[in-house]
């Protein structure tokens, strides 16, 4: 079995209270579900790990995440890329990859907008689970209102990765920004229709953070959404063509002292909200 624990928006450095919340959540995950060498567990953190992307905040976050070293899967959020999430900083963006993520055993370089992919395998039955990560930070600064964009380069890479693997292998796609939030002031993903067109019928789990509002999907062309649970900590199923994908919106994970636990057993992914 493979287990993935999904949290988001830890915002280390926002305040002492927030630091304590984030630390408590991570400690409780490791207490209830020990990340030992024999376990096949991974921690997925979908961005805004820091509040302002400065070195002191990154160091604080690194220390809090060291217990999961070698089992951490991360992607940057707009706050990781600059002060308050609105002011893009190239220095902060590069720092996220190295030394921060690298110090935790995650060596992928997101700064160049390259898609991350890794195939995990179940210890007992060898069931494969493909994990794919995107950098949704638009890197534009104040004017973008914390919007995100996957971009043509990553979408092309993503299509190639999905076409390379057996369609029967379960796939999890993670990013920071909400894939679709219409009629909002910023905080959305500009190219969500293009992204959804690529992943339609091809992914089983969609994990993200950022603003935490319900996805609005209006037609068959724009896909459909069926809610399985109400806020906080929604667990939903998104109809991607004929396939139903788990939708894990973990933006409020710290405030609710909860996370999503995703597991692959008998070749099929499932998930539930863990109150910690």
C-alpha atoms as a PDB file:
ATOM      1  CA  UNK A   1       0.000   0.000   0.000  1.00  0.00           C
ATOM      2  CA  UNK A   2       1.044   3.604  -0.667  1.00  0.00           C
ATOM      3  CA  UNK A   3      -0.124   6.438   1.603  1.00  0.00           C
ATOM      4  CA  UNK A   4       0.097  10.142   0.781  1.00  0.00           C
ATOM      5  CA  UNK A   5      -0.719  12.839   3.332  1.00  0.00           C
ATOM      6  CA  UNK A   6      -1.821  16.057   1.655  1.00  0.00           C
ATOM      7  CA  UNK A   7      -1.640  19.460   3.386  1.00  0.00           C
ATOM      8  CA  UNK A   8      -1.271  22.953   1.984  1.00  0.00           C
ATOM      9  CA  UNK A   9      -0.763  26.626   2.813  1.00  0.00           C
ATOM     10  CA  UNK A  10       1.284  26.173   5.978  1.00  0.00           C
ATOM     11  CA  UNK A  11       2.385  29.847   5.748  1.00  0.00           C
ATOM     12  CA  UNK A  12       5.393  29.580   8.031  1.00  0.00           C
ATOM     13  CA  UNK A  13       6.401  33.100   9.086  1.00  0.00           C
ATOM     14  CA  UNK A  14       2.940  34.669   9.007  1.00  0.00           C
ATOM     15  CA  UNK A  15       2.725  34.789  12.806  1.00  0.00           C
ATOM     16  CA  UNK A  16       3.816  32.859  15.869  1.00  0.00           C
ATOM     17  CA  UNK A  17       0.321  31.427  16.136  1.00  0.00           C
ATOM     18  CA  UNK A  18       0.440  30.201  12.548  1.00  0.00           C
ATOM     19  CA  UNK A  19       3.877  28.681  13.103  1.00  0.00           C
ATOM     20  CA  UNK A  20       2.529  26.728  16.079  1.00  0.00           C
ATOM     21  CA  UNK A  21      -0.497  25.534  14.084  1.00  0.00           C
ATOM     22  CA  UNK A  22       1.618  24.325  11.202  1.00  0.00           C
ATOM     23  CA  UNK A  23       4.171  22.646  13.472  1.00  0.00           C
ATOM     24  CA  UNK A  24       1.417  20.926  15.459  1.00  0.00           C
ATOM     25  CA  UNK A  25      -0.224  19.573  12.323  1.00  0.00           C
ATOM     26  CA  UNK A  26       3.025  18.112  10.993  1.00  0.00           C
ATOM     27  CA  UNK A  27       3.964  16.617  14.359  1.00  0.00           C
ATOM     28  CA  UNK A  28       0.533  15.057  14.724  1.00  0.00           C
ATOM     29  CA  UNK A  29       0.696  13.483  11.269  1.00  0.00           C
ATOM     30  CA  UNK A  30       4.009  11.870  12.143  1.00  0.00           C
ATOM     31  CA  UNK A  31       2.749  10.788  15.561  1.00  0.00           C
ATOM     32  CA  UNK A  32      -0.400   9.089  14.304  1.00  0.00           C
ATOM     33  CA  UNK A  33       1.178   7.782  11.096  1.00  0.00           C
ATOM     34  CA  UNK A  34       4.937   7.350  11.715  1.00  0.00           C
ATOM     35  CA  UNK A  35       7.115   7.928   8.650  1.00  0.00           C
ATOM     36  CA  UNK A  36       9.467   5.034   9.359  1.00  0.00           C
ATOM     37  CA  UNK A  37      11.735   3.378   6.810  1.00  0.00           C
ATOM     38  CA  UNK A  38       9.350   0.425   6.601  1.00  0.00           C
ATOM     39  CA  UNK A  39       6.324   2.617   5.903  1.00  0.00           C
ATOM     40  CA  UNK A  40       5.452   3.612   2.364  1.00  0.00           C
ATOM     41  CA  UNK A  41       4.234   7.105   3.279  1.00  0.00           C
ATOM     42  CA  UNK A  42       4.764  10.482   1.631  1.00  0.00           C
ATOM     43  CA  UNK A  43       3.915  14.055   2.608  1.00  0.00           C
ATOM     44  CA  UNK A  44       2.455  16.219  -0.171  1.00  0.00           C
ATOM     45  CA  UNK A  45       2.547  19.997   0.432  1.00  0.00           C
ATOM     46  CA  UNK A  46       0.893  22.050  -2.303  1.00  0.00           C
ATOM     47  CA  UNK A  47       2.502  25.455  -1.921  1.00  0.00           C
ATOM     48  CA  UNK A  48       2.506  28.561   0.271  1.00  0.00           C
ATOM     49  CA  UNK A  49       4.804  26.735   2.650  1.00  0.00           C
ATOM     50  CA  UNK A  50       6.180  30.128   3.689  1.00  0.00           C
ATOM     51  CA  UNK A  51       4.305  33.404   3.992  1.00  0.00           C
ATOM     52  CA  UNK A  52       6.794  35.704   2.343  1.00  0.00           C
ATOM     53  CA  UNK A  53       9.490  33.586   0.728  1.00  0.00           C
ATOM     54  CA  UNK A  54      12.390  34.967   2.775  1.00  0.00           C
ATOM     55  CA  UNK A  55      15.321  32.872   3.944  1.00  0.00           C
ATOM     56  CA  UNK A  56      14.381  32.872   7.637  1.00  0.00           C
ATOM     57  CA  UNK A  57      10.906  31.556   6.836  1.00  0.00           C
ATOM     58  CA  UNK A  58      12.300  28.904   4.514  1.00  0.00           C
ATOM     59  CA  UNK A  59      14.700  27.790   7.259  1.00  0.00           C
ATOM     60  CA  UNK A  60      11.868  27.572   9.785  1.00  0.00           C
ATOM     61  CA  UNK A  61       9.803  25.500   7.325  1.00  0.00           C
ATOM     62  CA  UNK A  62      12.789  23.264   6.581  1.00  0.00           C
ATOM     63  CA  UNK A  63      13.272  22.462  10.265  1.00  0.00           C
ATOM     64  CA  UNK A  64       9.568  21.648  10.643  1.00  0.00           C
ATOM     65  CA  UNK A  65       9.635  19.310   7.636  1.00  0.00           C
ATOM     66  CA  UNK A  66      12.932  17.521   8.318  1.00  0.00           C
ATOM     67  CA  UNK A  67      11.087  14.633   9.998  1.00  0.00           C
ATOM     68  CA  UNK A  68       9.730  13.787   6.530  1.00  0.00           C
ATOM     69  CA  UNK A  69      13.042  14.134   4.673  1.00  0.00           C
ATOM     70  CA  UNK A  70      13.173  11.920   1.606  1.00  0.00           C
ATOM     71  CA  UNK A  71       9.381  11.499   1.702  1.00  0.00           C
ATOM     72  CA  UNK A  72       8.348  15.081   0.897  1.00  0.00           C
ATOM     73  CA  UNK A  73       6.657  16.122  -2.357  1.00  0.00           C
ATOM     74  CA  UNK A  74       6.291  19.894  -2.730  1.00  0.00           C
ATOM     75  CA  UNK A  75       5.308  22.541  -5.251  1.00  0.00           C
ATOM     76  CA  UNK A  76       5.676  26.332  -4.863  1.00  0.00           C
ATOM     77  CA  UNK A  77       2.876  28.773  -4.116  1.00  0.00           C
ATOM     78  CA  UNK A  78       2.681  32.494  -4.837  1.00  0.00           C
ATOM     79  CA  UNK A  79       3.701  33.311  -1.229  1.00  0.00           C
ATOM     80  CA  UNK A  80       6.829  31.177  -1.613  1.00  0.00           C
ATOM     81  CA  UNK A  81       7.759  33.270  -4.638  1.00  0.00           C
ATOM     82  CA  UNK A  82       7.582  36.676  -2.965  1.00  0.00           C
ATOM     83  CA  UNK A  83       6.486  38.897  -0.080  1.00  0.00           C
ATOM     84  CA  UNK A  84       2.772  38.576   0.865  1.00  0.00           C
ATOM     85  CA  UNK A  85       2.203  36.491  -2.271  1.00  0.00           C
ATOM     86  CA  UNK A  86       1.916  39.580  -4.473  1.00  0.00           C
ATOM     87  CA  UNK A  87       5.506  40.674  -5.088  1.00  0.00           C
ATOM     88  CA  UNK A  88       7.397  38.159  -7.204  1.00  0.00           C
ATOM     89  CA  UNK A  89      11.056  37.698  -6.281  1.00  0.00           C
ATOM     90  CA  UNK A  90      13.434  35.723  -8.466  1.00  0.00           C
ATOM     91  CA  UNK A  91      15.667  35.146  -5.437  1.00  0.00           C
ATOM     92  CA  UNK A  92      12.797  33.622  -3.448  1.00  0.00           C
ATOM     93  CA  UNK A  93      11.698  31.501  -6.401  1.00  0.00           C
ATOM     94  CA  UNK A  94      15.165  30.031  -6.904  1.00  0.00           C
ATOM     95  CA  UNK A  95      15.608  29.516  -3.163  1.00  0.00           C
ATOM     96  CA  UNK A  96      12.519  27.291  -3.077  1.00  0.00           C
ATOM     97  CA  UNK A  97      14.259  24.657  -5.255  1.00  0.00           C
ATOM     98  CA  UNK A  98      17.656  24.929  -3.592  1.00  0.00           C
ATOM     99  CA  UNK A  99      18.543  24.952  -0.849  1.00  0.00           C
ATOM    100  CA  UNK A 100      15.015  24.570   0.609  1.00  0.00           C
ATOM    101  CA  UNK A 101      13.403  21.645  -1.256  1.00  0.00           C
ATOM    102  CA  UNK A 102      16.764  20.029  -1.936  1.00  0.00           C
ATOM    103  CA  UNK A 103      17.536  19.955   1.800  1.00  0.00           C
ATOM    104  CA  UNK A 104      14.379  17.844   2.249  1.00  0.00           C
ATOM    105  CA  UNK A 105      15.427  15.337  -0.397  1.00  0.00           C
ATOM    106  CA  UNK A 106      13.219  16.796  -3.147  1.00  0.00           C
ATOM    107  CA  UNK A 107      15.610  17.675  -5.955  1.00  0.00           C
ATOM    108  CA  UNK A 108      13.276  18.672  -8.807  1.00  0.00           C
ATOM    109  CA  UNK A 109      13.795  22.198 -10.174  1.00  0.00           C
ATOM    110  CA  UNK A 110      10.430  23.965 -10.533  1.00  0.00           C
ATOM    111  CA  UNK A 111      11.937  27.380 -11.331  1.00  0.00           C
ATOM    112  CA  UNK A 112      12.361  26.522 -15.025  1.00  0.00           C
ATOM    113  CA  UNK A 113       8.686  25.468 -15.256  1.00  0.00           C
ATOM    114  CA  UNK A 114       9.498  21.791 -15.678  1.00  0.00           C
ATOM    115  CA  UNK A 115       6.898  19.162 -14.752  1.00  0.00           C
ATOM    116  CA  UNK A 116       7.739  16.817 -11.886  1.00  0.00           C
ATOM    117  CA  UNK A 117       6.830  13.136 -12.184  1.00  0.00           C
ATOM    118  CA  UNK A 118       7.614  10.096 -10.095  1.00  0.00           C
ATOM    119  CA  UNK A 119       6.215   6.578 -10.090  1.00  0.00           C
ATOM    120  CA  UNK A 120       5.706   5.091  -6.636  1.00  0.00           C
ATOM    121  CA  UNK A 121       5.141   1.399  -5.983  1.00  0.00           C
ATOM    122  CA  UNK A 122       3.236  -0.450  -3.288  1.00  0.00           C
ATOM    123  CA  UNK A 123       5.465  -2.468  -0.970  1.00  0.00           C
ATOM    124  CA  UNK A 124       3.296  -5.583  -0.842  1.00  0.00           C
ATOM    125  CA  UNK A 125       1.773  -5.868  -4.315  1.00  0.00           C
ATOM    126  CA  UNK A 126       3.979  -3.543  -6.378  1.00  0.00           C
ATOM    127  CA  UNK A 127       0.983  -1.496  -7.547  1.00  0.00           C
ATOM    128  CA  UNK A 128       2.257   1.622  -9.364  1.00  0.00           C
ATOM    129  CA  UNK A 129       1.012   5.154  -8.589  1.00  0.00           C
ATOM    130  CA  UNK A 130       2.165   8.054 -10.775  1.00  0.00           C
ATOM    131  CA  UNK A 131       2.604  11.422  -9.016  1.00  0.00           C
ATOM    132  CA  UNK A 132       2.797  14.557 -11.202  1.00  0.00           C
ATOM    133  CA  UNK A 133       3.529  18.089  -9.959  1.00  0.00           C
ATOM    134  CA  UNK A 134       3.110  21.453 -11.719  1.00  0.00           C
ATOM    135  CA  UNK A 135       4.449  24.919 -10.977  1.00  0.00           C
ATOM    136  CA  UNK A 136       1.372  27.150 -11.240  1.00  0.00           C
ATOM    137  CA  UNK A 137       3.092  30.408 -10.167  1.00  0.00           C
ATOM    138  CA  UNK A 138       2.816  33.006 -12.928  1.00  0.00           C
ATOM    139  CA  UNK A 139       5.922  34.961 -11.852  1.00  0.00           C
ATOM    140  CA  UNK A 140       4.596  38.390 -12.811  1.00  0.00           C
ATOM    141  CA  UNK A 141       4.404  40.366  -9.586  1.00  0.00           C
ATOM    142  CA  UNK A 142       1.884  42.873  -8.229  1.00  0.00           C
ATOM    143  CA  UNK A 143      -0.248  43.141 -11.338  1.00  0.00           C
ATOM    144  CA  UNK A 144      -1.218  39.459 -11.484  1.00  0.00           C
ATOM    145  CA  UNK A 145      -3.315  39.555  -8.250  1.00  0.00           C
ATOM    146  CA  UNK A 146      -1.887  36.198  -7.142  1.00  0.00           C
ATOM    147  CA  UNK A 147      -3.206  34.507 -10.272  1.00  0.00           C
ATOM    148  CA  UNK A 148      -1.468  31.414 -11.550  1.00  0.00           C
ATOM    149  CA  UNK A 149      -0.603  29.935 -14.920  1.00  0.00           C
ATOM    150  CA  UNK A 150       0.686  26.499 -15.847  1.00  0.00           C
ATOM    151  CA  UNK A 151       1.886  27.665 -19.248  1.00  0.00           C
ATOM    152  CA  UNK A 152       2.225  26.044 -22.640  1.00  0.00           C
ATOM    153  CA  UNK A 153       5.599  24.454 -21.873  1.00  0.00           C
ATOM    154  CA  UNK A 154       4.338  22.533 -18.859  1.00  0.00           C
ATOM    155  CA  UNK A 155       1.067  21.598 -20.543  1.00  0.00           C
ATOM    156  CA  UNK A 156       3.007  20.082 -23.424  1.00  0.00           C
ATOM    157  CA  UNK A 157       5.280  18.170 -21.022  1.00  0.00           C
ATOM    158  CA  UNK A 158       2.250  17.001 -19.050  1.00  0.00           C
ATOM    159  CA  UNK A 159       0.568  15.657 -22.177  1.00  0.00           C
ATOM    160  CA  UNK A 160       3.718  13.740 -23.049  1.00  0.00           C
ATOM    161  CA  UNK A 161       3.997  12.228 -19.559  1.00  0.00           C
ATOM    162  CA  UNK A 162       0.351  11.154 -19.497  1.00  0.00           C
ATOM    163  CA  UNK A 163       0.693   9.620 -22.958  1.00  0.00           C
ATOM    164  CA  UNK A 164       3.786   7.684 -21.920  1.00  0.00           C
ATOM    165  CA  UNK A 165       2.182   5.685 -19.105  1.00  0.00           C
ATOM    166  CA  UNK A 166      -0.419   2.929 -19.179  1.00  0.00           C
ATOM    167  CA  UNK A 167      -3.899   4.512 -18.821  1.00  0.00           C
ATOM    168  CA  UNK A 168      -4.700   1.932 -16.135  1.00  0.00           C
ATOM    169  CA  UNK A 169      -1.993   3.251 -13.778  1.00  0.00           C
ATOM    170  CA  UNK A 170      -3.596   5.585 -11.187  1.00  0.00           C
ATOM    171  CA  UNK A 171      -2.333   9.157 -11.441  1.00  0.00           C
ATOM    172  CA  UNK A 172      -2.275  12.070  -8.998  1.00  0.00           C
ATOM    173  CA  UNK A 173      -1.790  15.629 -10.271  1.00  0.00           C
ATOM    174  CA  UNK A 174      -0.815  18.349  -7.781  1.00  0.00           C
ATOM    175  CA  UNK A 175      -0.373  22.116  -8.021  1.00  0.00           C
ATOM    176  CA  UNK A 176      -0.922  25.189  -5.836  1.00  0.00           C
ATOM    177  CA  UNK A 177      -3.611  27.267  -7.532  1.00  0.00           C
ATOM    178  CA  UNK A 178      -7.294  26.373  -7.649  1.00  0.00           C
ATOM    179  CA  UNK A 179      -7.743  24.842 -11.121  1.00  0.00           C
ATOM    180  CA  UNK A 180     -10.932  26.821 -11.789  1.00  0.00           C
ATOM    181  CA  UNK A 181     -12.471  29.714  -9.896  1.00  0.00           C
ATOM    182  CA  UNK A 182     -14.568  31.834 -12.213  1.00  0.00           C
ATOM    183  CA  UNK A 183     -15.802  35.387 -11.565  1.00  0.00           C
ATOM    184  CA  UNK A 184     -13.169  36.163  -8.957  1.00  0.00           C
ATOM    185  CA  UNK A 185     -10.660  38.966  -8.468  1.00  0.00           C
ATOM    186  CA  UNK A 186      -7.361  37.240  -9.057  1.00  0.00           C
ATOM    187  CA  UNK A 187      -6.370  34.108  -7.138  1.00  0.00           C
ATOM    188  CA  UNK A 188      -7.298  31.849 -10.043  1.00  0.00           C
ATOM    189  CA  UNK A 189      -5.526  29.789 -12.708  1.00  0.00           C
ATOM    190  CA  UNK A 190      -5.600  31.583 -16.051  1.00  0.00           C
ATOM    191  CA  UNK A 191      -5.215  28.561 -18.285  1.00  0.00           C
ATOM    192  CA  UNK A 192      -7.415  26.107 -16.386  1.00  0.00           C
ATOM    193  CA  UNK A 193      -9.567  25.163 -19.456  1.00  0.00           C
ATOM    194  CA  UNK A 194      -6.453  24.178 -21.411  1.00  0.00           C
ATOM    195  CA  UNK A 195      -5.126  22.205 -18.435  1.00  0.00           C
ATOM    196  CA  UNK A 196      -8.410  20.362 -17.868  1.00  0.00           C
ATOM    197  CA  UNK A 197      -8.592  19.443 -21.537  1.00  0.00           C
ATOM    198  CA  UNK A 198      -5.226  17.684 -21.226  1.00  0.00           C
ATOM    199  CA  UNK A 199      -6.049  15.733 -18.050  1.00  0.00           C
ATOM    200  CA  UNK A 200      -9.604  14.741 -19.031  1.00  0.00           C
ATOM    201  CA  UNK A 201     -10.062  10.953 -18.626  1.00  0.00           C
ATOM    202  CA  UNK A 202      -6.404  10.675 -17.618  1.00  0.00           C
ATOM    203  CA  UNK A 203      -6.024  11.445 -13.883  1.00  0.00           C
ATOM    204  CA  UNK A 204      -7.554   9.949 -10.747  1.00  0.00           C
ATOM    205  CA  UNK A 205      -6.656  12.509  -8.051  1.00  0.00           C
ATOM    206  CA  UNK A 206      -6.389  16.319  -8.281  1.00  0.00           C
ATOM    207  CA  UNK A 207      -4.741  17.991  -5.256  1.00  0.00           C
ATOM    208  CA  UNK A 208      -4.303  21.743  -4.691  1.00  0.00           C
ATOM    209  CA  UNK A 209      -4.512  24.569  -2.148  1.00  0.00           C
ATOM    210  CA  UNK A 210      -4.382  28.397  -2.544  1.00  0.00           C
ATOM    211  CA  UNK A 211      -7.794  29.979  -1.922  1.00  0.00           C
ATOM    212  CA  UNK A 212      -9.949  26.989  -1.048  1.00  0.00           C
ATOM    213  CA  UNK A 213     -13.209  27.964  -2.776  1.00  0.00           C
ATOM    214  CA  UNK A 214     -15.431  25.444  -4.491  1.00  0.00           C
ATOM    215  CA  UNK A 215     -14.619  24.691  -8.094  1.00  0.00           C
ATOM    216  CA  UNK A 216     -17.245  26.094 -10.439  1.00  0.00           C
ATOM    217  CA  UNK A 217     -17.763  23.969 -13.512  1.00  0.00           C
ATOM    218  CA  UNK A 218     -20.736  24.793 -15.687  1.00  0.00           C
ATOM    219  CA  UNK A 219     -21.034  22.479 -18.676  1.00  0.00           C
ATOM    220  CA  UNK A 220     -19.857  19.250 -20.209  1.00  0.00           C
ATOM    221  CA  UNK A 221     -17.287  21.224 -22.123  1.00  0.00           C
ATOM    222  CA  UNK A 222     -15.995  22.717 -18.873  1.00  0.00           C
ATOM    223  CA  UNK A 223     -16.422  19.421 -16.996  1.00  0.00           C
ATOM    224  CA  UNK A 224     -18.777  18.706 -14.102  1.00  0.00           C
ATOM    225  CA  UNK A 225     -18.363  18.548 -10.337  1.00  0.00           C
ATOM    226  CA  UNK A 226     -20.127  16.406  -7.763  1.00  0.00           C
ATOM    227  CA  UNK A 227     -19.618  17.377  -4.115  1.00  0.00           C
ATOM    228  CA  UNK A 228     -19.138  14.571  -1.609  1.00  0.00           C
ATOM    229  CA  UNK A 229     -18.543  16.786   1.434  1.00  0.00           C
ATOM    230  CA  UNK A 230     -19.041  20.440   2.329  1.00  0.00           C
ATOM    231  CA  UNK A 231     -16.405  22.872   3.567  1.00  0.00           C
ATOM    232  CA  UNK A 232     -14.209  22.812   5.513  1.00  0.00           C
ATOM    233  CA  UNK A 233     -11.893  20.225   3.947  1.00  0.00           C
ATOM    234  CA  UNK A 234     -13.942  19.261   0.888  1.00  0.00           C
ATOM    235  CA  UNK A 235     -13.626  15.809  -0.539  1.00  0.00           C
ATOM    236  CA  UNK A 236     -15.172  15.937  -4.005  1.00  0.00           C
ATOM    237  CA  UNK A 237     -15.270  13.981  -7.214  1.00  0.00           C
ATOM    238  CA  UNK A 238     -14.641  15.781 -10.465  1.00  0.00           C
ATOM    239  CA  UNK A 239     -16.020  14.209 -13.623  1.00  0.00           C
ATOM    240  CA  UNK A 240     -13.166  14.396 -16.107  1.00  0.00           C
ATOM    241  CA  UNK A 241     -14.982  13.094 -19.146  1.00  0.00           C
ATOM    242  CA  UNK A 242     -16.051   9.562 -18.233  1.00  0.00           C
ATOM    243  CA  UNK A 243     -13.578   9.318 -15.352  1.00  0.00           C
ATOM    244  CA  UNK A 244     -14.290  10.459 -11.789  1.00  0.00           C
ATOM    245  CA  UNK A 245     -11.272  12.028 -10.098  1.00  0.00           C
ATOM    246  CA  UNK A 246     -10.877  12.730  -6.389  1.00  0.00           C
ATOM    247  CA  UNK A 247     -10.598  16.491  -5.780  1.00  0.00           C
ATOM    248  CA  UNK A 248      -8.596  17.375  -2.664  1.00  0.00           C
ATOM    249  CA  UNK A 249      -8.752  21.056  -1.726  1.00  0.00           C
ATOM    250  CA  UNK A 250      -6.403  21.306   1.273  1.00  0.00           C
ATOM    251  CA  UNK A 251      -6.159  25.070   1.686  1.00  0.00           C
ATOM    252  CA  UNK A 252      -7.657  25.040   5.199  1.00  0.00           C
ATOM    253  CA  UNK A 253      -5.641  22.059   6.395  1.00  0.00           C
ATOM    254  CA  UNK A 254      -3.779  23.940   9.127  1.00  0.00           C
ATOM    255  CA  UNK A 255      -6.730  25.892  10.520  1.00  0.00           C
ATOM    256  CA  UNK A 256      -8.825  22.722  10.708  1.00  0.00           C
ATOM    257  CA  UNK A 257      -5.923  20.639  12.060  1.00  0.00           C
ATOM    258  CA  UNK A 258      -6.638  18.083   9.387  1.00  0.00           C
ATOM    259  CA  UNK A 259      -5.186  16.665   6.216  1.00  0.00           C
ATOM    260  CA  UNK A 260      -6.160  14.351   3.420  1.00  0.00           C
ATOM    261  CA  UNK A 261      -4.867  10.796   3.630  1.00  0.00           C
ATOM    262  CA  UNK A 262      -4.729   9.247   0.181  1.00  0.00           C
ATOM    263  CA  UNK A 263      -3.918   5.593  -0.230  1.00  0.00           C
ATOM    264  CA  UNK A 264      -3.476   3.140  -3.050  1.00  0.00           C
ATOM    265  CA  UNK A 265      -4.631  -0.366  -2.256  1.00  0.00           C
ATOM    266  CA  UNK A 266      -5.412  -3.137  -4.713  1.00  0.00           C
ATOM    267  CA  UNK A 267      -4.452  -0.742  -7.484  1.00  0.00           C
ATOM    268  CA  UNK A 268      -7.157   1.838  -6.695  1.00  0.00           C
ATOM    269  CA  UNK A 269      -6.772   5.241  -4.995  1.00  0.00           C
ATOM    270  CA  UNK A 270      -9.090   6.372  -2.223  1.00  0.00           C
ATOM    271  CA  UNK A 271      -8.982   9.166   0.339  1.00  0.00           C
ATOM    272  CA  UNK A 272     -10.515  10.571   3.491  1.00  0.00           C
ATOM    273  CA  UNK A 273     -10.147  13.616   5.701  1.00  0.00           C
ATOM    274  CA  UNK A 274      -8.083  12.894   8.807  1.00  0.00           C
ATOM    275  CA  UNK A 275      -8.917  15.075  11.831  1.00  0.00           C
ATOM    276  CA  UNK A 276      -5.657  15.358  13.750  1.00  0.00           C
END
